Amino acid sequence: MSMTHPFDPDSLYELTEDGNIRITKDGKTGLFTGEGIHLEGEIREADPQLCNWISNVPDPDSQMTTSRIAGRDDSGKSAGAHASHLNA
């Protein structure tokens, strides 16, 4: 996973195999945690939100195949439909 920063397109943010973020800009690099904390390198500042977003790549093997929709109970009925009966 990698992407350029939306406000600084010369900065490339890349997810490393160990889960850290490598930033490359103008031939310089820096290594950061997923929270944007500097670990090493010439680049010493990072966008912590972008670091977090890039490092938060779920492992497809550990994800559920079906997702639950917020606001629905186990029977699939809308929670809002239940609430409307309470307000009547």
N, C-alpha and C. Protein backbone atom coordinates (compact mmCIF):
# COMPACT_ATOMS: atom_id res chain seq x y z
N MET A 1 0.85 -1.17 0.00
CA MET A 1 0.00 0.00 0.00
C MET A 1 0.90 1.23 0.00
N SER A 2 0.63 2.14 -0.91
CA SER A 2 1.37 3.40 -0.92
C SER A 2 0.51 4.47 -1.57
N MET A 3 0.81 5.71 -1.26
CA MET A 3 0.12 6.84 -1.88
C MET A 3 0.89 8.11 -1.64
N THR A 4 0.67 9.08 -2.51
CA THR A 4 1.26 10.39 -2.30
C THR A 4 0.33 11.19 -1.38
N HIS A 5 0.91 12.11 -0.67
CA HIS A 5 0.13 12.94 0.24
C HIS A 5 -0.74 13.88 -0.61
N PRO A 6 -2.03 14.00 -0.28
CA PRO A 6 -2.92 14.84 -1.10
C PRO A 6 -2.53 16.31 -1.15
N PHE A 7 -1.88 16.83 -0.10
CA PHE A 7 -1.49 18.24 -0.08
C PHE A 7 -0.01 18.44 -0.40
N ASP A 8 0.74 17.35 -0.52
CA ASP A 8 2.16 17.41 -0.85
C ASP A 8 2.48 16.23 -1.77
N PRO A 9 2.12 16.35 -3.06
CA PRO A 9 2.25 15.21 -3.97
C PRO A 9 3.69 14.74 -4.20
N ASP A 10 4.68 15.46 -3.70
CA ASP A 10 6.06 15.01 -3.80
C ASP A 10 6.43 14.02 -2.70
N SER A 11 5.55 13.87 -1.70
CA SER A 11 5.80 12.95 -0.58
C SER A 11 5.07 11.63 -0.81
N LEU A 12 5.84 10.55 -0.88
CA LEU A 12 5.28 9.22 -1.05
C LEU A 12 5.29 8.49 0.28
N TYR A 13 4.11 8.03 0.71
CA TYR A 13 3.94 7.27 1.94
C TYR A 13 3.77 5.80 1.55
N GLU A 14 4.64 4.93 2.09
CA GLU A 14 4.59 3.51 1.74
C GLU A 14 4.54 2.66 3.00
N LEU A 15 3.69 1.64 2.99
CA LEU A 15 3.62 0.68 4.08
C LEU A 15 4.75 -0.33 3.90
N THR A 16 5.57 -0.50 4.95
CA THR A 16 6.66 -1.48 4.89
C THR A 16 6.14 -2.84 5.36
N GLU A 17 6.93 -3.88 5.11
CA GLU A 17 6.52 -5.23 5.50
C GLU A 17 6.34 -5.38 7.01
N ASP A 18 7.05 -4.57 7.79
CA ASP A 18 6.92 -4.68 9.25
C ASP A 18 5.84 -3.75 9.81
N GLY A 19 5.04 -3.12 8.93
CA GLY A 19 3.92 -2.31 9.38
C GLY A 19 4.23 -0.85 9.64
N ASN A 20 5.44 -0.43 9.37
CA ASN A 20 5.80 0.98 9.52
C ASN A 20 5.55 1.72 8.21
N ILE A 21 5.73 3.03 8.24
CA ILE A 21 5.51 3.87 7.07
C ILE A 21 6.83 4.49 6.64
N ARG A 22 7.19 4.31 5.38
CA ARG A 22 8.38 4.95 4.82
C ARG A 22 7.92 6.12 3.97
N ILE A 23 8.47 7.29 4.27
CA ILE A 23 8.15 8.48 3.49
C ILE A 23 9.38 8.83 2.66
N THR A 24 9.15 9.08 1.38
CA THR A 24 10.21 9.47 0.47
C THR A 24 9.85 10.80 -0.17
N LYS A 25 10.81 11.73 -0.16
CA LYS A 25 10.60 13.04 -0.78
C LYS A 25 11.96 13.63 -1.14
N ASP A 26 12.10 14.04 -2.38
CA ASP A 26 13.33 14.71 -2.85
C ASP A 26 14.59 13.91 -2.54
N GLY A 27 14.53 12.59 -2.68
CA GLY A 27 15.70 11.75 -2.44
C GLY A 27 15.97 11.47 -0.97
N LYS A 28 15.16 11.98 -0.08
CA LYS A 28 15.32 11.74 1.35
C LYS A 28 14.23 10.77 1.81
N THR A 29 14.51 10.06 2.91
CA THR A 29 13.52 9.13 3.46
C THR A 29 13.40 9.29 4.97
N GLY A 30 12.31 8.80 5.47
CA GLY A 30 12.09 8.74 6.90
C GLY A 30 11.20 7.55 7.20
N LEU A 31 11.38 6.95 8.36
CA LEU A 31 10.58 5.81 8.77
C LEU A 31 9.78 6.20 10.00
N PHE A 32 8.49 5.86 9.98
CA PHE A 32 7.56 6.28 11.03
C PHE A 32 6.66 5.12 11.44
N THR A 33 6.13 5.21 12.65
CA THR A 33 5.14 4.24 13.09
C THR A 33 3.81 4.56 12.41
N GLY A 34 2.84 3.69 12.61
CA GLY A 34 1.51 3.93 12.08
C GLY A 34 0.82 5.12 12.71
N GLU A 35 1.37 5.62 13.81
CA GLU A 35 0.83 6.81 14.46
C GLU A 35 1.58 8.07 14.04
N GLY A 36 2.59 7.91 13.18
CA GLY A 36 3.36 9.06 12.71
C GLY A 36 4.53 9.44 13.58
N ILE A 37 4.98 8.54 14.44
CA ILE A 37 6.12 8.80 15.32
C ILE A 37 7.41 8.46 14.57
N HIS A 38 8.33 9.40 14.54
CA HIS A 38 9.60 9.25 13.81
C HIS A 38 10.43 8.12 14.42
N LEU A 39 10.93 7.24 13.56
CA LEU A 39 11.81 6.16 13.99
C LEU A 39 13.24 6.38 13.52
N GLU A 40 13.40 6.78 12.25
CA GLU A 40 14.74 7.02 11.71
C GLU A 40 14.63 7.75 10.38
N GLY A 41 15.75 8.29 9.94
CA GLY A 41 15.82 8.92 8.63
C GLY A 41 15.89 10.43 8.66
N GLU A 42 16.17 10.98 7.48
CA GLU A 42 16.32 12.44 7.33
C GLU A 42 14.99 13.18 7.44
N ILE A 43 13.93 12.58 6.93
CA ILE A 43 12.61 13.20 7.07
C ILE A 43 12.13 12.93 8.49
N ARG A 44 11.83 13.99 9.22
CA ARG A 44 11.51 13.85 10.64
C ARG A 44 10.06 14.17 10.97
N GLU A 45 9.29 14.63 9.98
CA GLU A 45 7.88 14.97 10.22
C GLU A 45 7.01 14.21 9.24
N ALA A 46 5.86 13.76 9.75
CA ALA A 46 4.90 13.01 8.94
C ALA A 46 3.49 13.44 9.30
N ASP A 47 2.57 13.18 8.41
CA ASP A 47 1.16 13.41 8.67
C ASP A 47 0.63 12.18 9.43
N PRO A 48 0.36 12.31 10.73
CA PRO A 48 -0.04 11.14 11.51
C PRO A 48 -1.35 10.51 11.02
N GLN A 49 -2.26 11.31 10.50
CA GLN A 49 -3.52 10.76 10.01
C GLN A 49 -3.29 9.90 8.77
N LEU A 50 -2.42 10.34 7.88
CA LEU A 50 -2.13 9.56 6.68
C LEU A 50 -1.36 8.29 7.05
N CYS A 51 -0.42 8.39 7.99
CA CYS A 51 0.29 7.20 8.47
C CYS A 51 -0.69 6.18 9.03
N ASN A 52 -1.63 6.65 9.83
CA ASN A 52 -2.62 5.76 10.42
C ASN A 52 -3.49 5.13 9.35
N TRP A 53 -3.91 5.91 8.39
CA TRP A 53 -4.78 5.42 7.33
C TRP A 53 -4.08 4.35 6.51
N ILE A 54 -2.82 4.58 6.15
CA ILE A 54 -2.07 3.62 5.33
C ILE A 54 -1.76 2.36 6.13
N SER A 55 -1.45 2.49 7.40
CA SER A 55 -1.08 1.31 8.19
C SER A 55 -2.29 0.49 8.61
N ASN A 56 -3.47 1.02 8.44
CA ASN A 56 -4.69 0.33 8.86
C ASN A 56 -5.28 -0.48 7.71
N VAL A 57 -4.48 -1.36 7.15
CA VAL A 57 -4.92 -2.22 6.05
C VAL A 57 -5.28 -3.56 6.66
N PRO A 58 -6.57 -3.91 6.67
CA PRO A 58 -6.95 -5.18 7.30
C PRO A 58 -6.44 -6.39 6.52
N ASP A 59 -6.12 -7.44 7.26
CA ASP A 59 -5.71 -8.69 6.65
C ASP A 59 -6.95 -9.40 6.12
N PRO A 60 -7.05 -9.62 4.80
CA PRO A 60 -8.27 -10.22 4.24
C PRO A 60 -8.58 -11.60 4.81
N ASP A 61 -7.56 -12.34 5.24
CA ASP A 61 -7.79 -13.67 5.79
C ASP A 61 -8.46 -13.63 7.16
N SER A 62 -8.33 -12.52 7.87
CA SER A 62 -8.90 -12.43 9.21
C SER A 62 -10.23 -11.66 9.24
N GLN A 63 -10.70 -11.21 8.09
CA GLN A 63 -11.93 -10.42 8.03
C GLN A 63 -13.14 -11.32 7.84
N MET A 64 -14.26 -10.87 8.35
CA MET A 64 -15.50 -11.60 8.15
C MET A 64 -15.91 -11.49 6.68
N THR A 65 -16.53 -12.53 6.16
CA THR A 65 -16.94 -12.49 4.76
C THR A 65 -18.21 -11.68 4.57
N THR A 66 -19.03 -11.60 5.62
CA THR A 66 -20.23 -10.77 5.54
C THR A 66 -20.15 -9.70 6.60
N SER A 67 -20.66 -8.55 6.31
CA SER A 67 -20.60 -7.46 7.27
C SER A 67 -21.99 -7.19 7.82
N ARG A 68 -22.03 -6.71 9.03
CA ARG A 68 -23.30 -6.31 9.63
C ARG A 68 -23.50 -4.84 9.36
N ILE A 69 -24.71 -4.47 9.11
CA ILE A 69 -25.03 -3.08 8.84
C ILE A 69 -25.48 -2.44 10.14
N ALA A 70 -24.89 -1.30 10.48
CA ALA A 70 -25.25 -0.60 11.72
C ALA A 70 -26.72 -0.25 11.70
N GLY A 71 -27.37 -0.43 12.84
CA GLY A 71 -28.78 -0.07 12.94
C GLY A 71 -29.72 -1.21 12.58
N ARG A 72 -29.19 -2.41 12.39
CA ARG A 72 -30.05 -3.56 12.09
C ARG A 72 -29.84 -4.62 13.15
N ASP A 73 -30.92 -5.30 13.49
CA ASP A 73 -30.80 -6.37 14.46
C ASP A 73 -30.53 -7.69 13.74
N ASP A 74 -30.48 -8.79 14.48
CA ASP A 74 -30.14 -10.08 13.89
C ASP A 74 -31.16 -10.56 12.86
N SER A 75 -32.40 -10.13 12.95
CA SER A 75 -33.42 -10.59 12.02
C SER A 75 -33.39 -9.81 10.71
N GLY A 76 -32.53 -8.77 10.64
CA GLY A 76 -32.41 -8.00 9.42
C GLY A 76 -33.42 -6.87 9.32
N LYS A 77 -34.24 -6.71 10.36
CA LYS A 77 -35.21 -5.61 10.35
C LYS A 77 -34.52 -4.33 10.78
N SER A 78 -34.95 -3.24 10.24
CA SER A 78 -34.36 -1.95 10.55
C SER A 78 -34.67 -1.59 12.00
N ALA A 79 -33.67 -1.11 12.72
CA ALA A 79 -33.87 -0.66 14.10
C ALA A 79 -34.81 0.52 14.13
N GLY A 80 -34.81 1.32 13.07
CA GLY A 80 -35.70 2.47 13.00
C GLY A 80 -37.16 2.04 12.97
N ALA A 81 -37.47 0.91 12.36
CA ALA A 81 -38.85 0.42 12.30
C ALA A 81 -39.32 0.05 13.70
N HIS A 82 -38.41 -0.53 14.50
CA HIS A 82 -38.78 -0.86 15.88
C HIS A 82 -39.02 0.40 16.70
N ALA A 83 -38.20 1.41 16.48
CA ALA A 83 -38.33 2.66 17.23
C ALA A 83 -39.61 3.38 16.88
N SER A 84 -40.09 3.28 15.64
CA SER A 84 -41.30 3.99 15.26
C SER A 84 -42.52 3.44 15.99
N HIS A 85 -42.50 2.15 16.34
CA HIS A 85 -43.60 1.58 17.11
C HIS A 85 -43.60 2.10 18.53
N LEU A 86 -42.43 2.41 19.06
CA LEU A 86 -42.34 2.92 20.42
C LEU A 86 -42.84 4.36 20.51
N ASN A 87 -42.71 5.12 19.43
CA ASN A 87 -43.12 6.52 19.42
C ASN A 87 -44.60 6.69 19.12
N ALA A 88 -45.28 5.66 18.69
CA ALA A 88 -46.70 5.76 18.28
C ALA A 88 -47.62 5.83 19.46
